[in-house]
Every structure is written in C-alpha cells, then in structure tokens.
C-alpha atoms as a PDB file:
ATOM      1  CA  MET A   1     -24.164 -20.318  11.027  1.00  0.00           C
ATOM      2  CA  ALA A   2     -23.818 -17.328   9.213  1.00  0.00           C
ATOM      3  CA  ALA A   3     -24.134 -14.083  11.663  1.00  0.00           C
ATOM      4  CA  ASP A   4     -27.853 -12.684  10.805  1.00  0.00           C
ATOM      5  CA  LYS A   5     -27.396  -8.928  12.028  1.00  0.00           C
ATOM      6  CA  LEU A   6     -24.433  -6.345  11.243  1.00  0.00           C
ATOM      7  CA  PRO A   7     -21.926  -6.294  13.776  1.00  0.00           C
ATOM      8  CA  ARG A   8     -21.325  -3.258  15.670  1.00  0.00           C
ATOM      9  CA  ARG A   9     -17.677  -1.041  14.985  1.00  0.00           C
ATOM     10  CA  HIS A  10     -16.560  -2.018  18.032  1.00  0.00           C
ATOM     11  CA  GLU A  11     -17.129  -5.661  17.481  1.00  0.00           C
ATOM     12  CA  MET A  12     -14.454  -5.403  14.849  1.00  0.00           C
ATOM     13  CA  TYR A  13     -11.572  -3.999  16.409  1.00  0.00           C
ATOM     14  CA  ASN A  14     -10.400  -7.636  17.036  1.00  0.00           C
ATOM     15  CA  PRO A  15     -11.508 -10.028  14.010  1.00  0.00           C
ATOM     16  CA  VAL A  16      -9.546  -6.923  11.791  1.00  0.00           C
ATOM     17  CA  ILE A  17      -6.050  -7.457  13.612  1.00  0.00           C
ATOM     18  CA  GLN A  18      -6.745 -11.259  13.478  1.00  0.00           C
ATOM     19  CA  ALA A  19      -7.378 -10.992   9.907  1.00  0.00           C
ATOM     20  CA  LEU A  20      -3.998  -8.905   9.474  1.00  0.00           C
ATOM     21  CA  ARG A  21      -2.089 -11.235  11.092  1.00  0.00           C
ATOM     22  CA  ASP A  22      -4.325 -14.094   8.960  1.00  0.00           C
ATOM     23  CA  LEU A  23      -3.452 -12.138   5.561  1.00  0.00           C
ATOM     24  CA  GLY A  24       0.700 -12.245   6.547  1.00  0.00           C
ATOM     25  CA  GLY A  25       0.605  -8.603   8.797  1.00  0.00           C
ATOM     26  CA  SER A  26      -1.180  -7.132   5.688  1.00  0.00           C
ATOM     27  CA  GLY A  27      -3.481  -6.423   3.471  1.00  0.00           C
ATOM     28  CA  HIS A  28      -5.536  -4.101   0.888  1.00  0.00           C
ATOM     29  CA  ILE A  29      -8.991  -2.575   2.321  1.00  0.00           C
ATOM     30  CA  ASP A  30     -10.432  -5.644   0.080  1.00  0.00           C
ATOM     31  CA  GLU A  31      -8.779  -8.613   1.870  1.00  0.00           C
ATOM     32  CA  ILE A  32      -9.302  -7.129   5.096  1.00  0.00           C
ATOM     33  CA  ALA A  33     -13.899  -6.479   4.021  1.00  0.00           C
ATOM     34  CA  ASP A  34     -13.471 -10.567   3.319  1.00  0.00           C
ATOM     35  CA  ARG A  35     -11.348 -12.212   5.760  1.00  0.00           C
ATOM     36  CA  VAL A  36     -13.145  -9.949   8.486  1.00  0.00           C
ATOM     37  CA  ILE A  37     -16.318 -11.891   7.339  1.00  0.00           C
ATOM     38  CA  GLU A  38     -15.026 -14.978   6.661  1.00  0.00           C
ATOM     39  CA  ILE A  39     -14.135 -14.860  10.466  1.00  0.00           C
ATOM     40  CA  MET A  40     -17.194 -13.279  11.832  1.00  0.00           C
ATOM     41  CA  GLN A  41     -19.577 -15.429   9.848  1.00  0.00           C
ATOM     42  CA  ILE A  42     -21.123 -12.718   8.248  1.00  0.00           C
ATOM     43  CA  SER A  43     -23.936 -13.496   5.496  1.00  0.00           C
ATOM     44  CA  ASP A  44     -23.864 -12.875   2.155  1.00  0.00           C
ATOM     45  CA  SER A  45     -27.103 -10.473   2.453  1.00  0.00           C
ATOM     46  CA  VAL A  46     -25.881  -8.575   5.475  1.00  0.00           C
ATOM     47  CA  ALA A  47     -22.595  -8.868   3.956  1.00  0.00           C
ATOM     48  CA  SER A  48     -24.625  -6.817   0.587  1.00  0.00           C
ATOM     49  CA  VAL A  49     -26.312  -3.895   2.588  1.00  0.00           C
ATOM     50  CA  LEU A  50     -25.856  -1.417   1.677  1.00  0.00           C
ATOM     51  CA  HIS A  51     -24.478   1.463   3.532  1.00  0.00           C
ATOM     52  CA  ASP A  52     -26.769   4.654   1.551  1.00  0.00           C
ATOM     53  CA  GLN A  53     -28.247   3.225  -2.596  1.00  0.00           C
ATOM     54  CA  GLU A  54     -28.442   6.516  -3.258  1.00  0.00           C
ATOM     55  CA  SER A  55     -25.357   8.058  -3.745  1.00  0.00           C
ATOM     56  CA  GLY A  56     -22.864   5.300  -3.422  1.00  0.00           C
ATOM     57  CA  ASN A  57     -22.014   1.148  -3.769  1.00  0.00           C
ATOM     58  CA  GLN A  58     -20.202   0.901  -0.196  1.00  0.00           C
ATOM     59  CA  THR A  59     -21.183  -1.583   1.972  1.00  0.00           C
ATOM     60  CA  GLU A  60     -22.337  -1.192   6.093  1.00  0.00           C
ATOM     61  CA  ILE A  61     -19.707  -3.649   6.503  1.00  0.00           C
ATOM     62  CA  GLU A  62     -16.685  -1.716   4.503  1.00  0.00           C
ATOM     63  CA  TYR A  63     -18.352   1.656   6.238  1.00  0.00           C
ATOM     64  CA  ARG A  64     -17.678   0.590   9.519  1.00  0.00           C
ATOM     65  CA  LEU A  65     -14.348  -1.674   8.872  1.00  0.00           C
ATOM     66  CA  ALA A  66     -13.250   1.457   7.424  1.00  0.00           C
ATOM     67  CA  TRP A  67     -14.197   3.698  11.416  1.00  0.00           C
ATOM     68  CA  ALA A  68     -12.740   0.699  13.129  1.00  0.00           C
ATOM     69  CA  ARG A  69      -9.248   0.612  11.217  1.00  0.00           C
ATOM     70  CA  THR A  70      -9.087   4.731  11.719  1.00  0.00           C
ATOM     71  CA  ASP A  71      -9.305   3.934  15.325  1.00  0.00           C
ATOM     72  CA  LEU A  72      -7.238   1.086  15.966  1.00  0.00           C
ATOM     73  CA  LYS A  73      -4.921   3.202  13.932  1.00  0.00           C
ATOM     74  CA  ASN A  74      -5.593   5.943  16.017  1.00  0.00           C
ATOM     75  CA  HIS A  75      -5.004   3.849  19.089  1.00  0.00           C
ATOM     76  CA  GLY A  76      -1.508   2.771  17.429  1.00  0.00           C
ATOM     77  CA  VAL A  77      -1.932  -0.681  16.335  1.00  0.00           C
ATOM     78  CA  ILE A  78      -2.132  -0.478  13.115  1.00  0.00           C
ATOM     79  CA  GLU A  79      -0.434   1.843  10.308  1.00  0.00           C
ATOM     80  CA  LYS A  80      -1.510   2.297   6.815  1.00  0.00           C
ATOM     81  CA  SER A  81       1.089   2.832   3.711  1.00  0.00           C
ATOM     82  CA  GLY A  82       1.233   5.126   1.152  1.00  0.00           C
ATOM     83  CA  ARG A  83       0.189   2.523  -1.110  1.00  0.00           C
ATOM     84  CA  GLY A  84      -2.576   2.259   1.481  1.00  0.00           C
ATOM     85  CA  VAL A  85      -1.317  -1.057   2.473  1.00  0.00           C
ATOM     86  CA  TRP A  86      -3.452  -1.835   6.822  1.00  0.00           C
ATOM     87  CA  SER A  87      -0.654  -3.892   8.650  1.00  0.00           C
ATOM     88  CA  ILE A  88       0.192  -4.095  12.269  1.00  0.00           C
ATOM     89  CA  ARG A  89       2.625  -1.965  13.303  1.00  0.00           C
ATOM     90  CA  PRO A  90       6.230  -2.947  13.894  1.00  0.00           C
ATOM     91  CA  ASP A  91       6.179  -2.587  17.631  1.00  0.00           C
ATOM     92  CA  LYS A  92       2.903  -4.336  17.926  1.00  0.00           C
ATOM     93  CA  GLN A  93       4.068  -7.674  16.837  1.00  0.00           C
ATOM     94  CA  GLY A  94       2.701  -9.155  19.829  1.00  0.00           C
ATOM     95  CA  VAL A  95      -0.912  -7.955  19.930  1.00  0.00           C
ATOM     96  CA  ASP A  96      -3.197 -10.434  19.893  1.00  0.00           C
ATOM     97  CA  GLN A  97      -6.226  -8.292  21.255  1.00  0.00           C
ATOM     98  CA  VAL A  98      -7.515  -5.025  22.309  1.00  0.00           C
ATOM     99  CA  ASP A  99      -9.763  -3.815  24.869  1.00  0.00           C
ATOM    100  CA  PRO A 100     -12.075  -2.233  23.217  1.00  0.00           C
ATOM    101  CA  ILE A 101     -12.862   0.476  25.669  1.00  0.00           C
ATOM    102  CA  GLU A 102      -9.110   1.275  25.441  1.00  0.00           C
ATOM    103  CA  VAL A 103      -9.826   1.951  21.665  1.00  0.00           C
ATOM    104  CA  SER A 104     -12.661   3.802  21.704  1.00  0.00           C
ATOM    105  CA  ARG A 105     -10.934   6.125  23.961  1.00  0.00           C
ATOM    106  CA  SER A 106      -8.206   6.653  21.365  1.00  0.00           C
ATOM    107  CA  ARG A 107     -10.798   8.308  18.863  1.00  0.00           C
ATOM    108  CA  SER A 108      -9.425  11.581  17.303  1.00  0.00           C
ATOM    109  CA  PRO A 109     -11.891  14.561  18.606  1.00  0.00           C
ATOM    110  CA  GLY A 110     -14.651  15.102  15.954  1.00  0.00           C
ATOM    111  CA  THR A 111     -15.012  11.037  15.192  1.00  0.00           C
ATOM    112  CA  PRO A 112     -18.050  10.311  15.524  1.00  0.00           C
ATOM    113  CA  ALA A 113     -19.077   7.907  18.058  1.00  0.00           C
ATOM    114  CA  SER A 114     -20.432   5.323  15.836  1.00  0.00           C
ATOM    115  CA  PRO A 115     -21.492   5.283  11.934  1.00  0.00           C
ATOM    116  CA  PRO A 116     -25.005   5.298  10.865  1.00  0.00           C
ATOM    117  CA  VAL A 117     -26.531   1.978  11.182  1.00  0.00           C
ATOM    118  CA  VAL A 118     -28.741  -0.010   8.638  1.00  0.00           C
ATOM    119  CA  GLY A 119     -31.613  -1.736  10.638  1.00  0.00           C
ATOM    120  CA  ASP A 120     -30.345  -1.287  14.288  1.00  0.00           C
ATOM    121  CA  ALA A 121     -31.931   1.466  16.411  1.00  0.00           C
ATOM    122  CA  GLN A 122     -30.072   0.876  19.362  1.00  0.00           C
ATOM    123  CA  GLU A 123     -26.744   2.025  18.020  1.00  0.00           C
ATOM    124  CA  ALA A 124     -26.788   6.570  17.656  1.00  0.00           C
ATOM    125  CA  ASN A 125     -27.787   7.841  14.544  1.00  0.00           C
ATOM    126  CA  HIS A 126     -26.042  11.095  12.960  1.00  0.00           C
ATOM    127  CA  SER A 127     -25.591  13.186   9.828  1.00  0.00           C
ATOM    128  CA  ASP A 128     -23.913  11.408   7.458  1.00  0.00           C
ATOM    129  CA  THR A 129     -19.951  11.636   7.393  1.00  0.00           C
ATOM    130  CA  ASP A 130     -18.017   9.927   4.735  1.00  0.00           C
ATOM    131  CA  SER A 131     -16.008   6.848   5.552  1.00  0.00           C
ATOM    132  CA  PRO A 132     -12.493   7.707   6.388  1.00  0.00           C
ATOM    133  CA  ASP A 133     -10.882   5.083   3.357  1.00  0.00           C
ATOM    134  CA  SER A 134     -12.761   7.785   0.959  1.00  0.00           C
ATOM    135  CA  PRO A 135     -11.322  11.201   0.772  1.00  0.00           C
ATOM    136  CA  ASP A 136     -13.118  11.263  -2.877  1.00  0.00           C
ATOM    137  CA  ALA A 137     -16.425   9.751  -1.995  1.00  0.00           C
ATOM    138  CA  ALA A 138     -18.014  13.428  -3.476  1.00  0.00           C
ATOM    139  CA  TRP A 139     -17.160  12.652  -7.212  1.00  0.00           C
ATOM    140  CA  ARG A 140     -18.072   9.111  -7.211  1.00  0.00           C
ATOM    141  CA  ARG A 141     -21.416   9.936  -5.224  1.00  0.00           C
ATOM    142  CA  GLU A 142     -22.306  12.300  -7.812  1.00  0.00           C
ATOM    143  CA  LEU A 143     -20.951   9.871 -10.886  1.00  0.00           C
ATOM    144  CA  HIS A 144     -23.455   6.660  -9.667  1.00  0.00           C
ATOM    145  CA  ARG A 145     -26.170   9.336  -9.631  1.00  0.00           C
ATOM    146  CA  VAL A 146     -25.754  10.099 -13.156  1.00  0.00           C
ATOM    147  CA  LEU A 147     -25.102   7.107 -13.725  1.00  0.00           C
ATOM    148  CA  THR A 148     -28.103   5.916 -12.381  1.00  0.00           C
ATOM    149  CA  THR A 149     -30.841   8.584 -12.306  1.00  0.00           C
ATOM    150  CA  ILE A 150     -29.998  10.646 -15.290  1.00  0.00           C
ATOM    151  CA  LEU A 151     -28.711   8.528 -18.253  1.00  0.00           C
ATOM    152  CA  GLU A 152     -30.810   6.357 -20.485  1.00  0.00           C
ATOM    153  CA  PRO A 153     -30.646   2.644 -20.136  1.00  0.00           C
ATOM    154  CA  ALA A 154     -29.270   2.725 -23.964  1.00  0.00           C
ATOM    155  CA  ALA A 155     -27.414   5.589 -23.536  1.00  0.00           C
ATOM    156  CA  PHE A 156     -25.173   3.937 -20.333  1.00  0.00           C
ATOM    157  CA  GLU A 157     -24.868   0.876 -22.965  1.00  0.00           C
ATOM    158  CA  ARG A 158     -23.478   3.054 -25.468  1.00  0.00           C
ATOM    159  CA  LEU A 159     -21.038   4.088 -22.352  1.00  0.00           C
ATOM    160  CA  THR A 160     -19.863   0.754 -21.843  1.00  0.00           C
ATOM    161  CA  MET A 161     -18.885   0.522 -25.584  1.00  0.00           C
ATOM    162  CA  ARG A 162     -17.332   4.003 -25.854  1.00  0.00           C
ATOM    163  CA  LEU A 163     -15.452   2.970 -22.693  1.00  0.00           C
ATOM    164  CA  LEU A 164     -14.390  -1.076 -24.247  1.00  0.00           C
ATOM    165  CA  ARG A 165     -12.627   0.783 -27.360  1.00  0.00           C
ATOM    166  CA  GLU A 166     -11.036   3.245 -24.937  1.00  0.00           C
ATOM    167  CA  SER A 167      -9.573   0.104 -22.646  1.00  0.00           C
ATOM    168  CA  GLY A 168      -8.004  -1.507 -25.992  1.00  0.00           C
ATOM    169  CA  PHE A 169     -11.441  -3.386 -27.878  1.00  0.00           C
ATOM    170  CA  VAL A 170     -12.010  -3.110 -31.629  1.00  0.00           C
ATOM    171  CA  HIS A 171     -15.131  -4.238 -33.252  1.00  0.00           C
ATOM    172  CA  ALA A 172     -17.080  -3.293 -30.205  1.00  0.00           C
ATOM    173  CA  GLU A 173     -20.688  -2.955 -30.729  1.00  0.00           C
ATOM    174  CA  VAL A 174     -24.022  -2.958 -28.472  1.00  0.00           C
ATOM    175  CA  THR A 175     -26.694  -5.432 -29.739  1.00  0.00           C
ATOM    176  CA  GLY A 176     -28.838  -6.210 -27.805  1.00  0.00           C
ATOM    177  CA  ARG A 177     -32.669  -6.932 -28.000  1.00  0.00           C
ATOM    178  CA  SER A 178     -35.187  -8.420 -26.543  1.00  0.00           C
ATOM    179  CA  GLY A 179     -34.775 -11.728 -27.065  1.00  0.00           C
ATOM    180  CA  ASP A 180     -30.825 -11.482 -27.030  1.00  0.00           C
ATOM    181  CA  GLY A 181     -30.464 -13.869 -23.294  1.00  0.00           C
ATOM    182  CA  GLY A 182     -28.875 -10.706 -21.761  1.00  0.00           C
ATOM    183  CA  VAL A 183     -25.942  -9.757 -24.337  1.00  0.00           C
ATOM    184  CA  ASP A 184     -25.699  -6.144 -24.729  1.00  0.00           C
ATOM    185  CA  GLY A 185     -22.847  -6.396 -26.714  1.00  0.00           C
ATOM    186  CA  LYS A 186     -19.612  -8.043 -28.187  1.00  0.00           C
ATOM    187  CA  GLY A 187     -16.560  -6.574 -28.903  1.00  0.00           C
ATOM    188  CA  ILE A 188     -12.969  -8.436 -29.480  1.00  0.00           C
ATOM    189  CA  ALA A 189     -10.619  -8.109 -26.534  1.00  0.00           C
ATOM    190  CA  GLN A 190      -6.670  -7.372 -27.942  1.00  0.00           C
ATOM    191  CA  MET A 191      -3.795  -8.505 -25.471  1.00  0.00           C
ATOM    192  CA  ALA A 192      -0.318  -6.635 -27.234  1.00  0.00           C
ATOM    193  CA  GLY A 193      -1.359  -7.478 -30.680  1.00  0.00           C
ATOM    194  CA  VAL A 194      -1.164 -10.504 -30.699  1.00  0.00           C
ATOM    195  CA  LEU A 195      -4.009 -12.196 -28.632  1.00  0.00           C
ATOM    196  CA  SER A 196      -7.396 -11.557 -28.794  1.00  0.00           C
ATOM    197  CA  PHE A 197     -10.626 -12.331 -27.269  1.00  0.00           C
ATOM    198  CA  HIS A 198     -13.975 -12.567 -28.344  1.00  0.00           C
ATOM    199  CA  VAL A 199     -16.394 -11.268 -25.425  1.00  0.00           C
ATOM    200  CA  VAL A 200     -20.586 -10.709 -24.519  1.00  0.00           C
ATOM    201  CA  PHE A 201     -20.568  -8.084 -22.511  1.00  0.00           C
ATOM    202  CA  GLN A 202     -23.885  -7.588 -19.910  1.00  0.00           C
ATOM    203  CA  CYS A 203     -24.539  -3.273 -19.026  1.00  0.00           C
ATOM    204  CA  LYS A 204     -26.149  -3.869 -15.168  1.00  0.00           C
ATOM    205  CA  ARG A 205     -27.681   0.101 -14.339  1.00  0.00           C
ATOM    206  CA  TYR A 206     -27.916  -0.372 -11.137  1.00  0.00           C
ATOM    207  CA  VAL A 207     -28.642   0.970  -7.469  1.00  0.00           C
ATOM    208  CA  GLY A 208     -27.911  -2.443  -5.652  1.00  0.00           C
ATOM    209  CA  SER A 209     -26.029  -5.852  -5.555  1.00  0.00           C
ATOM    210  CA  VAL A 210     -25.923  -8.709  -9.011  1.00  0.00           C
ATOM    211  CA  ASN A 211     -26.168 -11.363  -6.823  1.00  0.00           C
ATOM    212  CA  SER A 212     -24.858 -15.358  -8.439  1.00  0.00           C
ATOM    213  CA  ALA A 213     -28.237 -16.224 -10.232  1.00  0.00           C
ATOM    214  CA  GLN A 214     -28.120 -13.052 -12.197  1.00  0.00           C
ATOM    215  CA  VAL A 215     -24.038 -13.740 -12.929  1.00  0.00           C
ATOM    216  CA  ARG A 216     -25.400 -17.791 -14.064  1.00  0.00           C
ATOM    217  CA  ASP A 217     -27.961 -16.500 -16.291  1.00  0.00           C
ATOM    218  CA  PHE A 218     -25.167 -14.392 -18.557  1.00  0.00           C
ATOM    219  CA  ARG A 219     -23.171 -16.781 -18.491  1.00  0.00           C
ATOM    220  CA  GLY A 220     -25.933 -19.063 -19.828  1.00  0.00           C
ATOM    221  CA  ALA A 221     -26.103 -16.245 -22.605  1.00  0.00           C
ATOM    222  CA  MET A 222     -21.996 -16.062 -23.166  1.00  0.00           C
ATOM    223  CA  VAL A 223     -21.707 -20.182 -23.795  1.00  0.00           C
ATOM    224  CA  GLY A 224     -21.433 -20.765 -27.168  1.00  0.00           C
ATOM    225  CA  ARG A 225     -20.609 -17.187 -28.413  1.00  0.00           C
ATOM    226  CA  ALA A 226     -17.674 -15.710 -26.676  1.00  0.00           C
ATOM    227  CA  ASP A 227     -14.548 -16.802 -25.037  1.00  0.00           C
ATOM    228  CA  LYS A 228     -15.071 -14.109 -22.214  1.00  0.00           C
ATOM    229  CA  GLY A 229     -18.424 -12.855 -20.927  1.00  0.00           C
ATOM    230  CA  LEU A 230     -17.830  -9.048 -19.057  1.00  0.00           C
ATOM    231  CA  LEU A 231     -20.711  -8.257 -16.827  1.00  0.00           C
ATOM    232  CA  ILE A 232     -20.729  -4.618 -15.827  1.00  0.00           C
ATOM    233  CA  THR A 233     -22.721  -2.761 -13.210  1.00  0.00           C
ATOM    234  CA  THR A 234     -23.403   0.728 -11.543  1.00  0.00           C
ATOM    235  CA  GLY A 235     -23.879  -1.239  -8.397  1.00  0.00           C
ATOM    236  CA  ARG A 236     -21.702  -3.806  -6.684  1.00  0.00           C
ATOM    237  CA  PHE A 237     -20.994  -7.667  -6.578  1.00  0.00           C
ATOM    238  CA  THR A 238     -22.472  -9.796  -3.857  1.00  0.00           C
ATOM    239  CA  ARG A 239     -19.360 -12.632  -2.458  1.00  0.00           C
ATOM    240  CA  ASP A 240     -21.836 -15.498  -4.258  1.00  0.00           C
ATOM    241  CA  ALA A 241     -21.785 -13.444  -7.657  1.00  0.00           C
ATOM    242  CA  VAL A 242     -17.459 -12.834  -7.306  1.00  0.00           C
ATOM    243  CA  LEU A 243     -17.386 -16.742  -7.042  1.00  0.00           C
ATOM    244  CA  GLU A 244     -19.218 -17.380  -9.240  1.00  0.00           C
ATOM    245  CA  ALA A 245     -17.936 -15.160 -12.126  1.00  0.00           C
ATOM    246  CA  THR A 246     -14.728 -17.710 -11.201  1.00  0.00           C
ATOM    247  CA  ARG A 247     -16.470 -20.418 -10.458  1.00  0.00           C
ATOM    248  CA  GLN A 248     -13.790 -23.747 -11.478  1.00  0.00           C
ATOM    249  CA  GLY A 249     -14.741 -25.103 -14.676  1.00  0.00           C
ATOM    250  CA  ALA A 250     -17.320 -22.815 -15.843  1.00  0.00           C
ATOM    251  CA  PRO A 251     -16.865 -19.913 -18.388  1.00  0.00           C
ATOM    252  CA  PRO A 252     -14.477 -17.147 -16.753  1.00  0.00           C
ATOM    253  CA  ILE A 253     -16.987 -13.600 -16.769  1.00  0.00           C
ATOM    254  CA  ASP A 254     -14.857 -10.866 -15.431  1.00  0.00           C
ATOM    255  CA  LEU A 255     -16.986  -8.481 -13.349  1.00  0.00           C
ATOM    256  CA  ILE A 256     -16.997  -4.643 -13.520  1.00  0.00           C
ATOM    257  CA  ASP A 257     -18.325  -2.633 -10.162  1.00  0.00           C
ATOM    258  CA  GLY A 258     -19.857   0.318 -10.030  1.00  0.00           C
ATOM    259  CA  ASP A 259     -15.537   1.477  -8.417  1.00  0.00           C
ATOM    260  CA  ARG A 260     -13.843  -0.206 -10.757  1.00  0.00           C
ATOM    261  CA  LEU A 261     -15.991   1.770 -13.665  1.00  0.00           C
ATOM    262  CA  ALA A 262     -15.345   4.853 -11.768  1.00  0.00           C
ATOM    263  CA  ASP A 263     -11.946   4.807 -11.470  1.00  0.00           C
ATOM    264  CA  MET A 264     -11.829   3.971 -15.421  1.00  0.00           C
ATOM    265  CA  LEU A 265     -13.846   6.755 -16.341  1.00  0.00           C
ATOM    266  CA  LYS A 266     -12.275   8.498 -14.703  1.00  0.00           C
ATOM    267  CA  SER A 267      -8.819   7.128 -16.075  1.00  0.00           C
ATOM    268  CA  LEU A 268      -9.939   7.532 -19.349  1.00  0.00           C
ATOM    269  CA  LYS A 269     -11.403  11.043 -18.947  1.00  0.00           C
ATOM    270  CA  LEU A 270     -15.432   9.965 -19.942  1.00  0.00           C
ATOM    271  CA  GLY A 271     -17.143  12.297 -18.250  1.00  0.00           C
ATOM    272  CA  VAL A 272     -14.711  12.963 -15.914  1.00  0.00           C
ATOM    273  CA  GLN A 273     -12.690  15.261 -15.474  1.00  0.00           C
ATOM    274  CA  THR A 274      -9.879  16.369 -13.033  1.00  0.00           C
ATOM    275  CA  GLU A 275      -9.604  20.104 -12.773  1.00  0.00           C
ATOM    276  CA  PHE A 276      -6.630  21.529 -10.741  1.00  0.00           C
ATOM    277  CA  VAL A 277      -7.622  24.594  -8.317  1.00  0.00           C
ATOM    278  CA  GLU A 278      -5.003  27.431  -9.114  1.00  0.00           C
ATOM    279  CA  ARG A 279      -3.318  27.960  -6.143  1.00  0.00           C
ATOM    280  CA  VAL A 280      -2.233  31.864  -5.087  1.00  0.00           C
ATOM    281  CA  VAL A 281       0.831  32.773  -2.747  1.00  0.00           C
ATOM    282  CA  ILE A 282       2.525  35.620  -1.526  1.00  0.00           C
ATOM    283  CA  ASN A 283       5.980  35.734  -1.260  1.00  0.00           C
ATOM    284  CA  GLU A 284       6.892  38.420   1.286  1.00  0.00           C
ATOM    285  CA  VAL A 285      10.130  38.073   1.446  1.00  0.00           C
ATOM    286  CA  TRP A 286      11.225  38.069  -2.367  1.00  0.00           C
ATOM    287  CA  LEU A 287       8.620  41.377  -2.294  1.00  0.00           C
ATOM    288  CA  ARG A 288      10.755  43.433   0.132  1.00  0.00           C
ATOM    289  CA  SER A 289      14.054  42.380  -1.128  1.00  0.00           C
ATOM    290  CA  VAL A 290      13.330  44.285  -4.296  1.00  0.00           C
END
C-alpha cells in the first residue's frame, strides 16, 4: 500500500542506504530518490508535493533526501564524488542499517534540526534553507520566477523555439492556436547531419507538476503528425508522467522539466549569463622584494 504521508528526514536514512545497495553501491540523486520512493512505497501524489512551488521545482521528498544524505555523509557512512555520484564508503560496506539517533548527533553545526515540512505540524518549521545539493539554487529560483510570472505564454513559446534552434533543430516554428490539439510548435531534429526526425512540441508554463493524463493528451494530439513528441515545462513531471512518456509500444515523447530547461538555457546562454567576479589579491612577498 502506497504511503500517503511525507516521511520525516530520519526515516529516510536506512532507505537511502538500501537504495544505494540496490543500485550496486552508488547512484545519482535522481536514481536514489526513485529507489527510495519505491522502497518506502510513497504514493505519486505525495512524491509530487513541491518544497516551495513559488521558487522552484524541487519536491519535498527530494529536499528531505538531500538533508538525509548530508547527515549520512557527516556520519561517515556515505560519500559523494566530484561528479555528484553518491556511494557507500569502502570502509562501511558492511553497514546495512544505522541508528537514526546516532546519525542525528553527527549533524554539522548550523545544520537545521529538521527541514521545512509541508502539511506536518509536528515537525519544526524554520526559514528557507537551500538544499545541500543545490548550491546554485538562487539563480534557478530567479529564473523560475521570471519564466512563470513575468514572461507571457507567447514569449515562452518563442523562447522554446529559440532553444530548439540553438540545439540543432531546423524549420522550428510556433504553430499553437485554438483547435490545434495542444501542439504549440514543430520542427525537424537533425542527428549528425544524416538522420532527421519530425518533432512536435508543447510548452507548459507551469508552477507544479505535469501528470500522466496530460502526457497522454499530448500523445493523442501528435499521432500521425510527427515521429516524436517533445513536452517542455517550467514545472516538473510526476513519476507516472515519466512512465507514460516512455510506455512501450506508444509513440515516444521526450520530456524537459524546469531543472533541465534551466541547465539548457544556461549552457546556451539564452537569458542566463555566468559572470565571473574579479578577485584582487595583494602579493605582500612580491612587494617587499622589489
């Protein structure tokens, strides 16, 4: 039976360890989150609850898992590589379970006793604290705000078209209009200048989650019109939506959620620029040697 309540941070310690073992000893944060949700039998509705829908797409589960991993790291059970892969430490391969109380004592000074909780008055609540896995959360929050509250829907469609062109699409155009069945645009994706695919896309300027029914509706609109579908949202996709998009035997649909959209805009420098701040250092040794 699927859990209909958000698990607390300390309740996730052992599921994280089990998830890493199930994944062969290591995994990316998305893999760990998916496996923990399966282990704890967390329902899709609970797993889709956002931590703060006004500022980003991170779910409450992902937020709590981030702190749970950090607690386990401080306790010396797991570690993270430079490429963001989490793993069980070599000297802790025999550890199957931990005592949550002991892990909690290993928290770093200044680490919140418990993260903000949605719908659970028993947990302590405090001011916003960025997830330990999100050092770049500030610019993502700002981009999310601009895309969802400042840009008009038509402007977001044009931004999507530009994004696709910069990513290698040709003949990209916005076609969305009343009666078009939810298709906002189309284009041709080229691969290595040899293969090409006709693609239709839909833009969902959302604060929240796109569900499986919306993916099915889009698939119905694209059938017979393209080789592939592309669904882009400023929000995120529920687990059921991801499963529906990749359902065997059905026309394939690629998904781009808000986090991936932000990464693409940053990489292509489309409205997101990286600025390097000059740091002036006084070389006292050199000055005294002149």
